[in-house]
Amino acid sequence: MVTATAAEKKADEKARYNAFLSACPSQRLLAQVSGKWVTLVLSALGSGPECDGDPRPMRYSELGRVLAGVSPKMLSQTLRSLERDGLITRTATATVPVTVTYELTELGLSLHTTVRQLKAWSEAHRDEVTTHQDQFDAAR
């Protein structure tokens, strides 16, 4: 009987992840990172409001201005969740008042590439999708 090391067992379990299965941890992670505000926060932190492509730290109030329509409660919950997941870091600087900035981690930067493509796709194809929706609704 061959005994596997803990690292080998973990690698084997990881290889069996299947996001289509409800019990799979990757499905829960996919649900967490695919939310509307998660996508927009990651995009804002990764590109900045000018969309120059250079990740940079942003303050809470700046994120609130960039993300039109987000409530303070939802922005706080989203930032806390992203920090918990290791996708962003929160840095508080002792000033009066306290200055708090948020920045992508290496893990967050790796996800940002995908998020940025999704954002670009939605901006490029919004009119086309709207046309299809109108046609579908008119046919009903």
C-alpha atoms as a PDB file:
ATOM      1  CA  MET A   1       0.000   0.000   0.000  1.00  0.00           C
ATOM      2  CA  VAL A   2       1.413   3.376  -1.074  1.00  0.00           C
ATOM      3  CA  THR A   3       1.053   6.197   1.417  1.00  0.00           C
ATOM      4  CA  ALA A   4       0.692   9.733   0.121  1.00  0.00           C
ATOM      5  CA  THR A   5       2.181  12.725   1.882  1.00  0.00           C
ATOM      6  CA  ALA A   6      -0.061  15.535   3.059  1.00  0.00           C
ATOM      7  CA  ALA A   7       1.121  17.711   0.161  1.00  0.00           C
ATOM      8  CA  GLU A   8       0.319  14.953  -2.341  1.00  0.00           C
ATOM      9  CA  LYS A   9      -3.139  14.474  -0.833  1.00  0.00           C
ATOM     10  CA  LYS A  10      -3.803  18.204  -1.023  1.00  0.00           C
ATOM     11  CA  ALA A  11      -2.643  18.340  -4.655  1.00  0.00           C
ATOM     12  CA  ASP A  12      -4.871  15.363  -5.480  1.00  0.00           C
ATOM     13  CA  GLU A  13      -7.908  17.001  -3.844  1.00  0.00           C
ATOM     14  CA  LYS A  14      -7.194  20.247  -5.667  1.00  0.00           C
ATOM     15  CA  ALA A  15      -7.051  18.420  -8.984  1.00  0.00           C
ATOM     16  CA  ARG A  16     -10.552  17.065  -8.314  1.00  0.00           C
ATOM     17  CA  TYR A  17     -12.109  20.528  -7.836  1.00  0.00           C
ATOM     18  CA  ASN A  18     -15.067  20.986 -10.148  1.00  0.00           C
ATOM     19  CA  ALA A  19     -16.931  24.295  -9.923  1.00  0.00           C
ATOM     20  CA  PHE A  20     -20.009  22.673 -11.472  1.00  0.00           C
ATOM     21  CA  LEU A  21     -20.519  20.673  -8.261  1.00  0.00           C
ATOM     22  CA  SER A  22     -22.343  22.522  -5.473  1.00  0.00           C
ATOM     23  CA  ALA A  23     -20.063  21.117  -2.755  1.00  0.00           C
ATOM     24  CA  CYS A  24     -16.893  22.315  -4.506  1.00  0.00           C
ATOM     25  CA  PRO A  25     -15.075  25.122  -2.658  1.00  0.00           C
ATOM     26  CA  SER A  26     -14.180  26.724  -5.987  1.00  0.00           C
ATOM     27  CA  GLN A  27     -17.895  27.243  -6.716  1.00  0.00           C
ATOM     28  CA  ARG A  28     -18.257  29.259  -3.529  1.00  0.00           C
ATOM     29  CA  LEU A  29     -15.158  31.283  -4.413  1.00  0.00           C
ATOM     30  CA  LEU A  30     -16.477  31.893  -7.918  1.00  0.00           C
ATOM     31  CA  ALA A  31     -19.719  33.212  -6.441  1.00  0.00           C
ATOM     32  CA  GLN A  32     -17.768  35.532  -4.131  1.00  0.00           C
ATOM     33  CA  VAL A  33     -15.494  37.040  -6.774  1.00  0.00           C
ATOM     34  CA  SER A  34     -18.111  37.402  -9.523  1.00  0.00           C
ATOM     35  CA  GLY A  35     -20.341  39.879  -7.720  1.00  0.00           C
ATOM     36  CA  LYS A  36     -21.085  43.234  -9.332  1.00  0.00           C
ATOM     37  CA  TRP A  37     -19.338  45.391  -6.756  1.00  0.00           C
ATOM     38  CA  VAL A  38     -16.410  42.983  -6.361  1.00  0.00           C
ATOM     39  CA  THR A  39     -15.761  43.218 -10.085  1.00  0.00           C
ATOM     40  CA  LEU A  40     -15.983  46.999 -10.101  1.00  0.00           C
ATOM     41  CA  VAL A  41     -13.848  47.493  -6.968  1.00  0.00           C
ATOM     42  CA  LEU A  42     -11.113  45.234  -8.340  1.00  0.00           C
ATOM     43  CA  SER A  43     -11.274  47.045 -11.658  1.00  0.00           C
ATOM     44  CA  ALA A  44     -11.053  50.471 -10.004  1.00  0.00           C
ATOM     45  CA  LEU A  45      -8.133  49.470  -7.783  1.00  0.00           C
ATOM     46  CA  GLY A  46      -6.344  47.826 -10.671  1.00  0.00           C
ATOM     47  CA  SER A  47      -6.756  50.580 -13.217  1.00  0.00           C
ATOM     48  CA  GLY A  48      -7.495  53.699 -11.247  1.00  0.00           C
ATOM     49  CA  PRO A  49     -10.298  56.072 -12.167  1.00  0.00           C
ATOM     50  CA  GLU A  50      -8.396  57.284 -15.240  1.00  0.00           C
ATOM     51  CA  CYS A  51      -8.095  53.674 -16.507  1.00  0.00           C
ATOM     52  CA  ASP A  52      -4.391  54.137 -17.192  1.00  0.00           C
ATOM     53  CA  GLY A  53      -3.713  50.519 -16.280  1.00  0.00           C
ATOM     54  CA  ASP A  54      -1.452  51.210 -13.313  1.00  0.00           C
ATOM     55  CA  PRO A  55      -2.694  49.692 -10.039  1.00  0.00           C
ATOM     56  CA  ARG A  56      -2.568  52.144  -7.188  1.00  0.00           C
ATOM     57  CA  PRO A  57      -3.939  52.555  -3.683  1.00  0.00           C
ATOM     58  CA  MET A  58      -7.252  54.363  -3.356  1.00  0.00           C
ATOM     59  CA  ARG A  59      -9.040  55.858  -0.393  1.00  0.00           C
ATOM     60  CA  TYR A  60     -12.543  54.771   0.597  1.00  0.00           C
ATOM     61  CA  SER A  61     -14.065  58.120  -0.428  1.00  0.00           C
ATOM     62  CA  GLU A  62     -12.338  57.978  -3.813  1.00  0.00           C
ATOM     63  CA  LEU A  63     -13.693  54.477  -4.438  1.00  0.00           C
ATOM     64  CA  GLY A  64     -17.151  55.721  -3.470  1.00  0.00           C
ATOM     65  CA  ARG A  65     -16.923  58.515  -6.055  1.00  0.00           C
ATOM     66  CA  VAL A  66     -15.566  56.247  -8.803  1.00  0.00           C
ATOM     67  CA  LEU A  67     -18.179  53.532  -8.222  1.00  0.00           C
ATOM     68  CA  ALA A  68     -21.352  55.455  -8.987  1.00  0.00           C
ATOM     69  CA  GLY A  69     -24.368  53.925  -7.286  1.00  0.00           C
ATOM     70  CA  VAL A  70     -22.624  51.911  -4.567  1.00  0.00           C
ATOM     71  CA  SER A  71     -23.992  52.536  -1.093  1.00  0.00           C
ATOM     72  CA  PRO A  72     -21.532  53.117   1.750  1.00  0.00           C
ATOM     73  CA  LYS A  73     -22.747  49.898   3.398  1.00  0.00           C
ATOM     74  CA  MET A  74     -22.226  47.803   0.246  1.00  0.00           C
ATOM     75  CA  LEU A  75     -18.809  49.352  -0.409  1.00  0.00           C
ATOM     76  CA  SER A  76     -17.716  48.583   3.168  1.00  0.00           C
ATOM     77  CA  GLN A  77     -18.995  44.999   2.955  1.00  0.00           C
ATOM     78  CA  THR A  78     -17.295  44.461  -0.396  1.00  0.00           C
ATOM     79  CA  LEU A  79     -13.968  45.867   0.789  1.00  0.00           C
ATOM     80  CA  ARG A  80     -14.100  43.765   3.966  1.00  0.00           C
ATOM     81  CA  SER A  81     -14.854  40.624   1.944  1.00  0.00           C
ATOM     82  CA  LEU A  82     -12.021  41.313  -0.505  1.00  0.00           C
ATOM     83  CA  GLU A  83      -9.625  41.901   2.378  1.00  0.00           C
ATOM     84  CA  ARG A  84     -10.738  38.659   4.033  1.00  0.00           C
ATOM     85  CA  ASP A  85     -10.137  36.785   0.759  1.00  0.00           C
ATOM     86  CA  GLY A  86      -6.623  38.229   0.493  1.00  0.00           C
ATOM     87  CA  LEU A  87      -7.375  40.166  -2.695  1.00  0.00           C
ATOM     88  CA  ILE A  88      -6.800  43.634  -1.222  1.00  0.00           C
ATOM     89  CA  THR A  89      -4.961  45.156   1.704  1.00  0.00           C
ATOM     90  CA  ARG A  90      -6.288  47.883   3.953  1.00  0.00           C
ATOM     91  CA  THR A  91      -3.769  50.353   5.316  1.00  0.00           C
ATOM     92  CA  ALA A  92      -4.701  52.853   8.029  1.00  0.00           C
ATOM     93  CA  THR A  93      -2.362  55.799   8.548  1.00  0.00           C
ATOM     94  CA  ALA A  94      -2.463  57.710  11.827  1.00  0.00           C
ATOM     95  CA  THR A  95      -3.548  61.149  10.697  1.00  0.00           C
ATOM     96  CA  VAL A  96      -6.418  63.372  11.783  1.00  0.00           C
ATOM     97  CA  PRO A  97      -8.749  62.006  10.565  1.00  0.00           C
ATOM     98  CA  VAL A  98      -7.317  58.530   9.990  1.00  0.00           C
ATOM     99  CA  THR A  99      -6.375  57.921   6.343  1.00  0.00           C
ATOM    100  CA  VAL A 100      -7.388  54.501   5.041  1.00  0.00           C
ATOM    101  CA  THR A 101      -6.257  53.212   1.661  1.00  0.00           C
ATOM    102  CA  TYR A 102      -7.005  50.006  -0.206  1.00  0.00           C
ATOM    103  CA  GLU A 103      -4.661  48.287  -2.633  1.00  0.00           C
ATOM    104  CA  LEU A 104      -4.621  45.072  -4.655  1.00  0.00           C
ATOM    105  CA  THR A 105      -2.435  42.238  -3.389  1.00  0.00           C
ATOM    106  CA  GLU A 106      -0.525  39.972  -5.774  1.00  0.00           C
ATOM    107  CA  LEU A 107      -3.493  37.595  -5.627  1.00  0.00           C
ATOM    108  CA  GLY A 108      -5.852  40.474  -6.400  1.00  0.00           C
ATOM    109  CA  LEU A 109      -3.682  41.581  -9.305  1.00  0.00           C
ATOM    110  CA  SER A 110      -3.851  38.077 -10.762  1.00  0.00           C
ATOM    111  CA  LEU A 111      -7.673  38.251 -10.717  1.00  0.00           C
ATOM    112  CA  HIS A 112      -7.700  41.841 -11.977  1.00  0.00           C
ATOM    113  CA  THR A 113      -6.538  40.746 -15.430  1.00  0.00           C
ATOM    114  CA  THR A 114      -9.694  38.688 -15.892  1.00  0.00           C
ATOM    115  CA  VAL A 115     -11.938  41.335 -14.326  1.00  0.00           C
ATOM    116  CA  ARG A 116     -10.538  44.034 -16.590  1.00  0.00           C
ATOM    117  CA  GLN A 117     -11.305  41.903 -19.668  1.00  0.00           C
ATOM    118  CA  LEU A 118     -14.864  41.323 -18.451  1.00  0.00           C
ATOM    119  CA  LYS A 119     -15.360  45.061 -17.862  1.00  0.00           C
ATOM    120  CA  ALA A 120     -13.995  45.889 -21.325  1.00  0.00           C
ATOM    121  CA  TRP A 121     -16.229  43.260 -22.927  1.00  0.00           C
ATOM    122  CA  SER A 122     -19.348  44.597 -21.196  1.00  0.00           C
ATOM    123  CA  GLU A 123     -18.541  48.175 -22.261  1.00  0.00           C
ATOM    124  CA  ALA A 124     -17.890  47.105 -25.871  1.00  0.00           C
ATOM    125  CA  HIS A 125     -20.998  44.912 -26.250  1.00  0.00           C
ATOM    126  CA  ARG A 126     -23.625  46.688 -24.154  1.00  0.00           C
ATOM    127  CA  ASP A 127     -25.463  48.148 -27.184  1.00  0.00           C
ATOM    128  CA  GLU A 128     -25.500  44.793 -28.949  1.00  0.00           C
ATOM    129  CA  VAL A 129     -26.921  43.047 -25.871  1.00  0.00           C
ATOM    130  CA  THR A 130     -29.553  45.774 -25.484  1.00  0.00           C
ATOM    131  CA  THR A 131     -30.603  45.275 -29.121  1.00  0.00           C
ATOM    132  CA  HIS A 132     -30.994  41.527 -28.548  1.00  0.00           C
ATOM    133  CA  GLN A 133     -32.976  42.139 -25.369  1.00  0.00           C
ATOM    134  CA  ASP A 134     -35.313  44.535 -27.183  1.00  0.00           C
ATOM    135  CA  GLN A 135     -35.822  42.020 -30.013  1.00  0.00           C
ATOM    136  CA  PHE A 136     -36.489  39.216 -27.564  1.00  0.00           C
ATOM    137  CA  ASP A 137     -38.985  41.310 -25.577  1.00  0.00           C
ATOM    138  CA  ALA A 138     -40.778  42.463 -28.746  1.00  0.00           C
ATOM    139  CA  ALA A 139     -41.221  38.862 -29.889  1.00  0.00           C
ATOM    140  CA  ARG A 140     -43.011  37.949 -26.648  1.00  0.00           C
END
